[in-house]
Amino acid sequence: MPVSIETASRILLPVFLVLFFVIAMAGRSFLHWKRTGVNPYKLGKTESAHDLIGAMFRTVSFLVIFSTAVYSFLPSVYGYLGRIEWLESVWVQATGFVLLLAALIWVSVGQGHMGESWRIGIDEENETELVHKGLFSLSRNPIFLGMRVLLFGLFLAAPNALTLLAFGVGDVLMQVQVRLEEQHMLRLHGERFEEYKKQVRRWV
């Protein structure tokens, strides 16, 4: 008996989130720390604007995990999340999964291109190199670009009010975060970063 797109989605979404967490977050952070001795996670718990954004990113992550858990494991409750039924088609959900996979690959490649400069947040303690090759020759913020695509792909794969909220709030937070990070890079690299900004667009 063939598996429906809805059944496949309920299986694949949590698997994807685990893969993303292992490959692009926890696994990458651990390998970076073992290789460099530097903890790449720099979103703290102070009252600064930077750390407030970090707290809101954690809230977005919770929305993603919670909505996926309900979608996959509590289908009888899923309707209470404000499901958007007119988007629940084979082609829309398949497009969502294509975007999710593309985003995972893109983010992983971007992290690889950053090398020892990769951070989650702004590192005020350790100087990082200005990365301008690879994906960074196409976009000044390829990892955040991949994250934006990922959240949109999640919304298409499981269209409901929470995934739409996660996409909207996450996108706004990333718009703010990249500007904070670019201010930091300007202080760190001065004219080199100014020249880089002239050559490469913020997103694409």
N, C-alpha and C. Protein backbone atom coordinates (compact mmCIF):
# COMPACT_ATOMS: atom_id res chain seq x y z
N MET A 1 0.85 -1.21 0.00
CA MET A 1 0.00 0.00 0.00
C MET A 1 0.88 1.25 0.00
N PRO A 2 0.72 2.15 -0.96
CA PRO A 2 1.59 3.33 -1.04
C PRO A 2 1.40 4.25 0.17
N VAL A 3 2.50 4.91 0.56
CA VAL A 3 2.47 5.82 1.68
C VAL A 3 2.03 7.20 1.19
N SER A 4 1.08 7.82 1.87
CA SER A 4 0.59 9.14 1.47
C SER A 4 1.64 10.20 1.78
N ILE A 5 1.52 11.34 1.11
CA ILE A 5 2.45 12.45 1.35
C ILE A 5 2.36 12.92 2.80
N GLU A 6 1.15 12.88 3.37
CA GLU A 6 0.98 13.32 4.75
C GLU A 6 1.69 12.38 5.71
N THR A 7 1.57 11.08 5.48
CA THR A 7 2.26 10.10 6.33
C THR A 7 3.77 10.25 6.19
N ALA A 8 4.24 10.40 4.95
CA ALA A 8 5.67 10.57 4.72
C ALA A 8 6.18 11.84 5.41
N SER A 9 5.39 12.91 5.34
CA SER A 9 5.79 14.17 5.98
C SER A 9 5.92 14.01 7.49
N ARG A 10 4.98 13.28 8.09
CA ARG A 10 5.01 13.10 9.55
C ARG A 10 6.23 12.31 9.98
N ILE A 11 6.75 11.47 9.10
CA ILE A 11 7.95 10.69 9.41
C ILE A 11 9.21 11.51 9.13
N LEU A 12 9.22 12.19 7.98
CA LEU A 12 10.43 12.86 7.52
C LEU A 12 10.76 14.14 8.29
N LEU A 13 9.75 14.88 8.72
CA LEU A 13 10.03 16.16 9.37
C LEU A 13 10.86 16.01 10.65
N PRO A 14 10.46 15.14 11.59
CA PRO A 14 11.31 14.99 12.79
C PRO A 14 12.69 14.43 12.46
N VAL A 15 12.76 13.54 11.45
CA VAL A 15 14.07 13.01 11.04
C VAL A 15 14.95 14.15 10.52
N PHE A 16 14.35 15.03 9.73
CA PHE A 16 15.12 16.16 9.20
C PHE A 16 15.62 17.06 10.32
N LEU A 17 14.75 17.37 11.29
CA LEU A 17 15.16 18.26 12.38
C LEU A 17 16.31 17.67 13.18
N VAL A 18 16.26 16.37 13.42
CA VAL A 18 17.37 15.71 14.13
C VAL A 18 18.65 15.81 13.32
N LEU A 19 18.55 15.55 12.01
CA LEU A 19 19.72 15.65 11.14
C LEU A 19 20.29 17.06 11.14
N PHE A 20 19.40 18.05 11.05
CA PHE A 20 19.87 19.44 11.04
C PHE A 20 20.56 19.78 12.36
N PHE A 21 19.98 19.36 13.46
CA PHE A 21 20.57 19.66 14.76
C PHE A 21 21.94 19.02 14.89
N VAL A 22 22.07 17.77 14.44
CA VAL A 22 23.34 17.06 14.56
C VAL A 22 24.38 17.61 13.58
N ILE A 23 23.98 17.81 12.33
CA ILE A 23 24.94 18.21 11.29
C ILE A 23 25.31 19.69 11.40
N ALA A 24 24.31 20.56 11.55
CA ALA A 24 24.57 22.00 11.43
C ALA A 24 24.67 22.72 12.77
N MET A 25 24.24 22.11 13.86
CA MET A 25 24.26 22.82 15.13
C MET A 25 25.17 22.12 16.14
N ALA A 26 24.66 21.12 16.84
CA ALA A 26 25.43 20.49 17.92
C ALA A 26 26.69 19.81 17.40
N GLY A 27 26.56 19.04 16.32
CA GLY A 27 27.72 18.33 15.79
C GLY A 27 28.78 19.29 15.29
N ARG A 28 28.36 20.30 14.55
CA ARG A 28 29.31 21.29 14.03
C ARG A 28 29.96 22.07 15.17
N SER A 29 29.18 22.42 16.19
CA SER A 29 29.72 23.16 17.34
C SER A 29 30.76 22.33 18.08
N PHE A 30 30.45 21.05 18.28
CA PHE A 30 31.38 20.18 19.00
C PHE A 30 32.69 20.02 18.23
N LEU A 31 32.60 19.77 16.92
CA LEU A 31 33.81 19.61 16.11
C LEU A 31 34.62 20.89 16.09
N HIS A 32 33.93 22.03 16.01
CA HIS A 32 34.63 23.32 16.01
C HIS A 32 35.38 23.52 17.33
N TRP A 33 34.71 23.21 18.43
CA TRP A 33 35.33 23.35 19.75
C TRP A 33 36.53 22.42 19.90
N LYS A 34 36.41 21.17 19.44
CA LYS A 34 37.52 20.22 19.53
C LYS A 34 38.70 20.66 18.68
N ARG A 35 38.42 21.26 17.53
CA ARG A 35 39.48 21.64 16.61
C ARG A 35 40.17 22.94 17.02
N THR A 36 39.40 23.89 17.56
CA THR A 36 39.95 25.22 17.83
C THR A 36 40.06 25.56 19.31
N GLY A 37 39.32 24.84 20.16
CA GLY A 37 39.28 25.18 21.57
C GLY A 37 38.36 26.35 21.88
N VAL A 38 37.62 26.83 20.87
CA VAL A 38 36.72 27.97 21.02
C VAL A 38 35.28 27.48 20.93
N ASN A 39 34.47 27.84 21.92
CA ASN A 39 33.05 27.54 21.86
C ASN A 39 32.39 28.50 20.87
N PRO A 40 31.82 28.00 19.76
CA PRO A 40 31.29 28.92 18.75
C PRO A 40 29.96 29.56 19.14
N TYR A 41 29.31 29.04 20.18
CA TYR A 41 28.02 29.57 20.58
C TYR A 41 28.22 30.82 21.42
N LYS A 42 27.82 31.98 20.91
CA LYS A 42 28.11 33.26 21.56
C LYS A 42 26.84 34.04 21.91
N LEU A 43 25.68 33.38 21.93
CA LEU A 43 24.45 34.04 22.32
C LEU A 43 24.24 33.81 23.81
N GLY A 44 24.48 34.86 24.60
CA GLY A 44 24.42 34.73 26.05
C GLY A 44 23.06 35.04 26.64
N LYS A 45 23.06 35.38 27.92
CA LYS A 45 21.81 35.63 28.64
C LYS A 45 21.84 36.98 29.36
N THR A 46 22.59 37.93 28.81
CA THR A 46 22.63 39.27 29.38
C THR A 46 21.42 40.06 28.87
N GLU A 47 21.35 41.34 29.23
CA GLU A 47 20.25 42.19 28.80
C GLU A 47 20.59 42.98 27.53
N SER A 48 21.67 42.61 26.86
CA SER A 48 22.05 43.31 25.63
C SER A 48 21.08 42.96 24.50
N ALA A 49 21.03 43.84 23.48
CA ALA A 49 20.18 43.59 22.33
C ALA A 49 20.57 42.29 21.63
N HIS A 50 21.87 42.04 21.56
CA HIS A 50 22.37 40.83 20.91
C HIS A 50 21.84 39.57 21.60
N ASP A 51 21.91 39.56 22.93
CA ASP A 51 21.47 38.38 23.67
C ASP A 51 19.95 38.27 23.71
N LEU A 52 19.25 39.41 23.61
CA LEU A 52 17.79 39.36 23.50
C LEU A 52 17.39 38.67 22.21
N ILE A 53 18.09 38.99 21.14
CA ILE A 53 17.83 38.31 19.87
C ILE A 53 18.10 36.82 20.00
N GLY A 54 19.18 36.48 20.74
CA GLY A 54 19.49 35.08 20.97
C GLY A 54 18.36 34.37 21.70
N ALA A 55 17.78 35.02 22.70
CA ALA A 55 16.67 34.43 23.44
C ALA A 55 15.46 34.24 22.52
N MET A 56 15.24 35.18 21.63
CA MET A 56 14.11 35.07 20.71
C MET A 56 14.36 33.99 19.67
N PHE A 57 15.62 33.82 19.26
CA PHE A 57 15.95 32.70 18.37
C PHE A 57 15.63 31.37 19.04
N ARG A 58 15.93 31.27 20.34
CA ARG A 58 15.61 30.04 21.07
C ARG A 58 14.10 29.81 21.11
N THR A 59 13.33 30.91 21.20
CA THR A 59 11.88 30.78 21.17
C THR A 59 11.41 30.27 19.82
N VAL A 60 12.01 30.79 18.75
CA VAL A 60 11.67 30.30 17.41
C VAL A 60 11.99 28.82 17.29
N SER A 61 13.13 28.42 17.82
CA SER A 61 13.52 27.00 17.79
C SER A 61 12.48 26.15 18.51
N PHE A 62 12.00 26.66 19.66
CA PHE A 62 10.97 25.93 20.40
C PHE A 62 9.70 25.80 19.57
N LEU A 63 9.30 26.87 18.88
CA LEU A 63 8.12 26.81 18.04
C LEU A 63 8.27 25.74 16.96
N VAL A 64 9.46 25.69 16.36
CA VAL A 64 9.72 24.70 15.31
C VAL A 64 9.63 23.28 15.86
N ILE A 65 10.28 23.04 17.00
CA ILE A 65 10.27 21.71 17.59
C ILE A 65 8.87 21.32 18.04
N PHE A 66 8.18 22.26 18.70
CA PHE A 66 6.84 21.97 19.22
C PHE A 66 5.86 21.68 18.08
N SER A 67 5.86 22.54 17.06
CA SER A 67 4.92 22.34 15.96
C SER A 67 5.21 21.05 15.21
N THR A 68 6.48 20.71 15.05
CA THR A 68 6.84 19.46 14.38
C THR A 68 6.42 18.26 15.20
N ALA A 69 6.62 18.32 16.51
CA ALA A 69 6.23 17.21 17.39
C ALA A 69 4.73 16.97 17.34
N VAL A 70 3.96 18.06 17.39
CA VAL A 70 2.50 17.92 17.33
C VAL A 70 2.08 17.38 15.97
N TYR A 71 2.66 17.93 14.92
CA TYR A 71 2.32 17.50 13.56
C TYR A 71 2.61 16.02 13.35
N SER A 72 3.75 15.55 13.86
CA SER A 72 4.19 14.18 13.59
C SER A 72 3.61 13.16 14.56
N PHE A 73 3.47 13.53 15.83
CA PHE A 73 3.14 12.53 16.84
C PHE A 73 1.76 12.71 17.48
N LEU A 74 1.14 13.87 17.26
CA LEU A 74 -0.19 14.11 17.84
C LEU A 74 -1.13 14.65 16.77
N PRO A 75 -1.38 13.86 15.72
CA PRO A 75 -2.21 14.35 14.61
C PRO A 75 -3.61 14.77 15.05
N SER A 76 -4.13 14.16 16.10
CA SER A 76 -5.47 14.52 16.56
C SER A 76 -5.51 15.92 17.17
N VAL A 77 -4.35 16.43 17.60
CA VAL A 77 -4.26 17.75 18.21
C VAL A 77 -3.81 18.80 17.18
N TYR A 78 -3.27 18.33 16.06
CA TYR A 78 -2.64 19.22 15.10
C TYR A 78 -3.58 20.32 14.62
N GLY A 79 -4.86 20.05 14.52
CA GLY A 79 -5.81 21.04 14.05
C GLY A 79 -5.83 22.29 14.90
N TYR A 80 -5.48 22.17 16.17
CA TYR A 80 -5.48 23.32 17.07
C TYR A 80 -4.31 24.28 16.80
N LEU A 81 -3.36 23.86 15.97
CA LEU A 81 -2.24 24.74 15.64
C LEU A 81 -2.58 25.71 14.51
N GLY A 82 -3.82 25.65 14.06
CA GLY A 82 -4.22 26.55 12.97
C GLY A 82 -3.71 26.07 11.63
N ARG A 83 -3.95 24.82 11.32
CA ARG A 83 -3.47 24.27 10.05
C ARG A 83 -4.08 25.04 8.88
N ILE A 84 -3.26 25.22 7.84
CA ILE A 84 -3.71 25.95 6.65
C ILE A 84 -3.97 24.90 5.57
N GLU A 85 -5.21 24.41 5.54
CA GLU A 85 -5.54 23.24 4.73
C GLU A 85 -5.40 23.48 3.23
N TRP A 86 -5.63 24.71 2.76
CA TRP A 86 -5.55 24.94 1.32
C TRP A 86 -4.12 24.86 0.80
N LEU A 87 -3.11 24.83 1.71
CA LEU A 87 -1.72 24.64 1.30
C LEU A 87 -1.28 23.19 1.41
N GLU A 88 -2.14 22.35 1.95
CA GLU A 88 -1.77 20.95 2.17
C GLU A 88 -1.98 20.13 0.90
N SER A 89 -1.11 20.35 -0.07
CA SER A 89 -1.15 19.59 -1.31
C SER A 89 0.19 18.87 -1.50
N VAL A 90 0.18 17.87 -2.35
CA VAL A 90 1.39 17.10 -2.60
C VAL A 90 2.52 18.00 -3.09
N TRP A 91 2.21 18.90 -4.03
CA TRP A 91 3.25 19.72 -4.64
C TRP A 91 3.80 20.76 -3.66
N VAL A 92 2.94 21.35 -2.85
CA VAL A 92 3.40 22.34 -1.89
C VAL A 92 4.29 21.69 -0.84
N GLN A 93 3.85 20.56 -0.29
CA GLN A 93 4.64 19.90 0.74
C GLN A 93 5.93 19.32 0.17
N ALA A 94 5.88 18.80 -1.06
CA ALA A 94 7.09 18.30 -1.70
C ALA A 94 8.09 19.43 -1.92
N THR A 95 7.58 20.60 -2.34
CA THR A 95 8.44 21.77 -2.50
C THR A 95 9.09 22.15 -1.17
N GLY A 96 8.31 22.05 -0.09
CA GLY A 96 8.85 22.34 1.24
C GLY A 96 10.02 21.44 1.59
N PHE A 97 9.89 20.16 1.30
CA PHE A 97 10.97 19.23 1.62
C PHE A 97 12.19 19.45 0.74
N VAL A 98 11.98 19.82 -0.51
CA VAL A 98 13.11 20.15 -1.38
C VAL A 98 13.87 21.34 -0.82
N LEU A 99 13.13 22.36 -0.36
CA LEU A 99 13.77 23.55 0.22
C LEU A 99 14.50 23.20 1.52
N LEU A 100 13.91 22.33 2.33
CA LEU A 100 14.57 21.92 3.57
C LEU A 100 15.90 21.23 3.28
N LEU A 101 15.90 20.30 2.33
CA LEU A 101 17.12 19.59 1.99
C LEU A 101 18.16 20.54 1.40
N ALA A 102 17.71 21.42 0.50
CA ALA A 102 18.63 22.38 -0.12
C ALA A 102 19.23 23.30 0.94
N ALA A 103 18.40 23.72 1.90
CA ALA A 103 18.88 24.61 2.96
C ALA A 103 19.91 23.93 3.84
N LEU A 104 19.68 22.67 4.17
CA LEU A 104 20.63 21.92 5.00
C LEU A 104 21.99 21.82 4.29
N ILE A 105 21.96 21.48 3.01
CA ILE A 105 23.21 21.37 2.25
C ILE A 105 23.90 22.73 2.16
N TRP A 106 23.13 23.76 1.84
CA TRP A 106 23.67 25.12 1.69
C TRP A 106 24.30 25.61 2.99
N VAL A 107 23.59 25.44 4.11
CA VAL A 107 24.11 25.88 5.42
C VAL A 107 25.38 25.12 5.78
N SER A 108 25.38 23.81 5.54
CA SER A 108 26.56 23.00 5.87
C SER A 108 27.77 23.42 5.05
N VAL A 109 27.56 23.69 3.76
CA VAL A 109 28.66 24.14 2.91
C VAL A 109 29.15 25.51 3.37
N GLY A 110 28.20 26.41 3.70
CA GLY A 110 28.58 27.73 4.17
C GLY A 110 29.39 27.67 5.46
N GLN A 111 29.00 26.81 6.37
CA GLN A 111 29.76 26.64 7.61
C GLN A 111 31.16 26.12 7.31
N GLY A 112 31.25 25.21 6.35
CA GLY A 112 32.57 24.71 5.97
C GLY A 112 33.45 25.80 5.40
N HIS A 113 32.86 26.68 4.59
CA HIS A 113 33.62 27.78 4.01
C HIS A 113 34.08 28.78 5.07
N MET A 114 33.32 28.91 6.16
CA MET A 114 33.73 29.82 7.24
C MET A 114 34.92 29.28 8.01
N GLY A 115 35.06 27.96 8.07
CA GLY A 115 36.19 27.36 8.78
C GLY A 115 36.22 27.76 10.24
N GLU A 116 37.36 28.23 10.70
CA GLU A 116 37.53 28.58 12.10
C GLU A 116 36.84 29.89 12.47
N SER A 117 36.32 30.62 11.48
CA SER A 117 35.63 31.87 11.75
C SER A 117 34.15 31.66 12.08
N TRP A 118 33.67 30.42 11.95
CA TRP A 118 32.24 30.18 12.18
C TRP A 118 31.86 30.41 13.63
N ARG A 119 30.77 31.16 13.83
CA ARG A 119 30.24 31.42 15.15
C ARG A 119 28.71 31.44 15.10
N ILE A 120 28.09 31.18 16.24
CA ILE A 120 26.66 31.40 16.40
C ILE A 120 26.53 32.64 17.27
N GLY A 121 26.36 33.81 16.65
CA GLY A 121 26.37 35.06 17.38
C GLY A 121 27.67 35.81 17.15
N ILE A 122 27.85 36.88 17.92
CA ILE A 122 29.02 37.76 17.77
C ILE A 122 30.06 37.43 18.82
N ASP A 123 31.27 37.14 18.37
CA ASP A 123 32.38 36.81 19.27
C ASP A 123 33.19 38.08 19.53
N GLU A 124 33.05 38.62 20.74
CA GLU A 124 33.78 39.83 21.12
C GLU A 124 35.16 39.52 21.68
N GLU A 125 35.45 38.25 21.93
CA GLU A 125 36.70 37.87 22.60
C GLU A 125 37.78 37.40 21.65
N ASN A 126 37.38 36.74 20.56
CA ASN A 126 38.35 36.16 19.63
C ASN A 126 38.19 36.78 18.26
N GLU A 127 39.28 37.27 17.69
CA GLU A 127 39.24 37.87 16.36
C GLU A 127 39.06 36.80 15.31
N THR A 128 38.16 37.04 14.37
CA THR A 128 37.90 36.09 13.29
C THR A 128 38.29 36.71 11.95
N GLU A 129 38.65 35.84 11.02
CA GLU A 129 39.04 36.30 9.69
C GLU A 129 37.83 36.74 8.88
N LEU A 130 38.04 37.62 7.91
CA LEU A 130 36.99 38.02 6.99
C LEU A 130 36.91 36.97 5.88
N VAL A 131 35.82 36.23 5.84
CA VAL A 131 35.64 35.18 4.84
C VAL A 131 34.91 35.78 3.64
N HIS A 132 35.50 35.63 2.46
CA HIS A 132 34.90 36.23 1.27
C HIS A 132 34.93 35.28 0.07
N LYS A 133 35.28 34.02 0.30
CA LYS A 133 35.34 33.06 -0.79
C LYS A 133 34.21 32.04 -0.66
N GLY A 134 34.09 31.17 -1.67
CA GLY A 134 33.03 30.16 -1.64
C GLY A 134 31.66 30.81 -1.71
N LEU A 135 30.74 30.35 -0.89
CA LEU A 135 29.39 30.92 -0.88
C LEU A 135 29.40 32.39 -0.47
N PHE A 136 30.45 32.80 0.24
CA PHE A 136 30.54 34.18 0.69
C PHE A 136 30.92 35.14 -0.44
N SER A 137 31.22 34.59 -1.61
CA SER A 137 31.42 35.44 -2.78
C SER A 137 30.09 35.70 -3.49
N LEU A 138 29.04 34.96 -3.07
CA LEU A 138 27.71 35.12 -3.64
C LEU A 138 26.77 35.88 -2.71
N SER A 139 26.99 35.73 -1.42
CA SER A 139 26.14 36.36 -0.41
C SER A 139 26.99 36.68 0.80
N ARG A 140 26.76 37.85 1.43
CA ARG A 140 27.51 38.17 2.64
C ARG A 140 27.03 37.34 3.83
N ASN A 141 25.83 36.80 3.72
CA ASN A 141 25.26 36.03 4.83
C ASN A 141 24.63 34.73 4.34
N PRO A 142 25.42 33.85 3.73
CA PRO A 142 24.82 32.65 3.14
C PRO A 142 24.19 31.71 4.17
N ILE A 143 24.73 31.66 5.38
CA ILE A 143 24.16 30.75 6.38
C ILE A 143 22.79 31.24 6.82
N PHE A 144 22.67 32.53 7.08
CA PHE A 144 21.35 33.08 7.43
C PHE A 144 20.39 32.96 6.25
N LEU A 145 20.89 33.12 5.04
CA LEU A 145 20.05 32.93 3.86
C LEU A 145 19.50 31.51 3.84
N GLY A 146 20.36 30.54 4.13
CA GLY A 146 19.92 29.15 4.19
C GLY A 146 18.89 28.93 5.28
N MET A 147 19.06 29.60 6.42
CA MET A 147 18.11 29.47 7.52
C MET A 147 16.75 30.06 7.14
N ARG A 148 16.76 31.16 6.41
CA ARG A 148 15.50 31.74 5.95
C ARG A 148 14.77 30.76 5.02
N VAL A 149 15.51 30.15 4.11
CA VAL A 149 14.92 29.15 3.20
C VAL A 149 14.40 27.97 4.00
N LEU A 150 15.16 27.55 5.01
CA LEU A 150 14.76 26.41 5.83
C LEU A 150 13.42 26.67 6.53
N LEU A 151 13.27 27.84 7.14
CA LEU A 151 12.02 28.14 7.84
C LEU A 151 10.84 28.23 6.88
N PHE A 152 11.10 28.76 5.68
CA PHE A 152 10.03 28.80 4.68
C PHE A 152 9.68 27.39 4.21
N GLY A 153 10.70 26.55 4.03
CA GLY A 153 10.46 25.17 3.65
C GLY A 153 9.68 24.41 4.70
N LEU A 154 9.97 24.67 5.97
CA LEU A 154 9.23 24.03 7.06
C LEU A 154 7.76 24.44 7.02
N PHE A 155 7.51 25.72 6.76
CA PHE A 155 6.13 26.20 6.66
C PHE A 155 5.39 25.50 5.53
N LEU A 156 6.03 25.31 4.38
CA LEU A 156 5.37 24.63 3.26
C LEU A 156 5.15 23.15 3.55
N ALA A 157 6.11 22.53 4.23
CA ALA A 157 6.00 21.10 4.53
C ALA A 157 4.90 20.83 5.55
N ALA A 158 4.73 21.76 6.51
CA ALA A 158 3.69 21.62 7.53
C ALA A 158 3.03 22.99 7.73
N PRO A 159 2.16 23.38 6.81
CA PRO A 159 1.60 24.73 6.87
C PRO A 159 0.59 24.91 8.00
N ASN A 160 0.99 25.69 8.99
CA ASN A 160 0.09 26.00 10.11
C ASN A 160 0.51 27.33 10.71
N ALA A 161 -0.26 27.81 11.67
CA ALA A 161 -0.02 29.14 12.23
C ALA A 161 1.33 29.23 12.94
N LEU A 162 1.76 28.14 13.60
CA LEU A 162 3.03 28.19 14.34
C LEU A 162 4.23 28.20 13.41
N THR A 163 4.20 27.39 12.34
CA THR A 163 5.34 27.41 11.41
C THR A 163 5.39 28.72 10.64
N LEU A 164 4.21 29.32 10.38
CA LEU A 164 4.18 30.64 9.75
C LEU A 164 4.74 31.69 10.70
N LEU A 165 4.39 31.59 11.98
CA LEU A 165 4.92 32.53 12.98
C LEU A 165 6.43 32.37 13.10
N ALA A 166 6.90 31.12 13.13
CA ALA A 166 8.34 30.87 13.24
C ALA A 166 9.08 31.46 12.04
N PHE A 167 8.51 31.31 10.85
CA PHE A 167 9.13 31.87 9.65
C PHE A 167 9.16 33.40 9.71
N GLY A 168 8.04 34.01 10.09
CA GLY A 168 7.97 35.47 10.13
C GLY A 168 8.88 36.08 11.18
N VAL A 169 8.80 35.56 12.40
CA VAL A 169 9.63 36.10 13.48
C VAL A 169 11.10 35.80 13.22
N GLY A 170 11.39 34.57 12.77
CA GLY A 170 12.78 34.21 12.48
C GLY A 170 13.39 35.08 11.42
N ASP A 171 12.61 35.41 10.39
CA ASP A 171 13.13 36.25 9.32
C ASP A 171 13.46 37.66 9.83
N VAL A 172 12.58 38.22 10.66
CA VAL A 172 12.84 39.54 11.23
C VAL A 172 14.09 39.52 12.10
N LEU A 173 14.21 38.49 12.93
CA LEU A 173 15.38 38.38 13.82
C LEU A 173 16.67 38.29 13.01
N MET A 174 16.65 37.54 11.92
CA MET A 174 17.85 37.41 11.10
C MET A 174 18.20 38.72 10.39
N GLN A 175 17.16 39.47 10.00
CA GLN A 175 17.42 40.77 9.40
C GLN A 175 18.16 41.69 10.38
N VAL A 176 17.77 41.64 11.66
CA VAL A 176 18.42 42.45 12.67
C VAL A 176 19.81 41.91 12.99
N GLN A 177 19.91 40.58 13.16
CA GLN A 177 21.18 39.97 13.55
C GLN A 177 22.28 40.21 12.52
N VAL A 178 21.95 40.11 11.25
CA VAL A 178 23.00 40.30 10.24
C VAL A 178 23.53 41.74 10.27
N ARG A 179 22.67 42.68 10.60
CA ARG A 179 23.12 44.06 10.68
C ARG A 179 24.02 44.28 11.90
N LEU A 180 23.71 43.63 13.01
CA LEU A 180 24.60 43.69 14.18
C LEU A 180 25.95 43.06 13.86
N GLU A 181 25.91 41.91 13.17
CA GLU A 181 27.16 41.22 12.84
C GLU A 181 27.98 42.02 11.84
N GLU A 182 27.31 42.68 10.90
CA GLU A 182 28.05 43.48 9.92
C GLU A 182 28.67 44.71 10.56
N GLN A 183 28.01 45.28 11.57
CA GLN A 183 28.63 46.38 12.32
C GLN A 183 29.88 45.90 13.05
N HIS A 184 29.80 44.69 13.60
CA HIS A 184 30.96 44.09 14.27
C HIS A 184 32.09 43.85 13.28
N MET A 185 31.77 43.33 12.10
CA MET A 185 32.79 43.07 11.09
C MET A 185 33.41 44.37 10.59
N LEU A 186 32.62 45.42 10.53
CA LEU A 186 33.15 46.72 10.11
C LEU A 186 34.15 47.24 11.14
N ARG A 187 33.84 47.11 12.42
CA ARG A 187 34.78 47.52 13.47
C ARG A 187 36.05 46.67 13.42
N LEU A 188 35.89 45.40 13.08
CA LEU A 188 37.01 44.47 13.10
C LEU A 188 37.90 44.61 11.87
N HIS A 189 37.31 44.79 10.70
CA HIS A 189 38.07 44.74 9.45
C HIS A 189 38.08 46.05 8.67
N GLY A 190 37.32 47.04 9.12
CA GLY A 190 37.38 48.37 8.52
C GLY A 190 37.19 48.41 7.01
N GLU A 191 38.16 48.99 6.29
CA GLU A 191 38.04 49.21 4.85
C GLU A 191 37.91 47.91 4.06
N ARG A 192 38.53 46.83 4.54
CA ARG A 192 38.41 45.55 3.84
C ARG A 192 36.95 45.10 3.79
N PHE A 193 36.24 45.29 4.90
CA PHE A 193 34.83 44.89 4.92
C PHE A 193 33.99 45.85 4.08
N GLU A 194 34.32 47.13 4.10
CA GLU A 194 33.61 48.10 3.27
C GLU A 194 33.73 47.73 1.80
N GLU A 195 34.93 47.33 1.38
CA GLU A 195 35.15 46.93 -0.01
C GLU A 195 34.38 45.66 -0.33
N TYR A 196 34.36 44.74 0.62
CA TYR A 196 33.60 43.48 0.44
C TYR A 196 32.11 43.78 0.28
N LYS A 197 31.58 44.73 1.06
CA LYS A 197 30.17 45.10 0.96
C LYS A 197 29.83 45.64 -0.42
N LYS A 198 30.76 46.34 -1.04
CA LYS A 198 30.53 46.91 -2.36
C LYS A 198 30.47 45.82 -3.44
N GLN A 199 31.18 44.72 -3.19
CA GLN A 199 31.28 43.65 -4.19
C GLN A 199 30.20 42.59 -4.06
N VAL A 200 29.72 42.36 -2.84
CA VAL A 200 28.79 41.24 -2.60
C VAL A 200 27.56 41.77 -1.86
N ARG A 201 26.37 41.36 -2.32
CA ARG A 201 25.12 41.81 -1.71
C ARG A 201 24.90 41.12 -0.35
N ARG A 202 24.05 41.73 0.46
CA ARG A 202 23.78 41.19 1.79
C ARG A 202 23.18 39.78 1.71
N TRP A 203 22.25 39.57 0.78
CA TRP A 203 21.60 38.27 0.67
C TRP A 203 21.99 37.58 -0.65
N VAL A 204 21.46 38.03 -1.76
CA VAL A 204 21.84 37.45 -3.06
C VAL A 204 21.86 38.55 -4.10
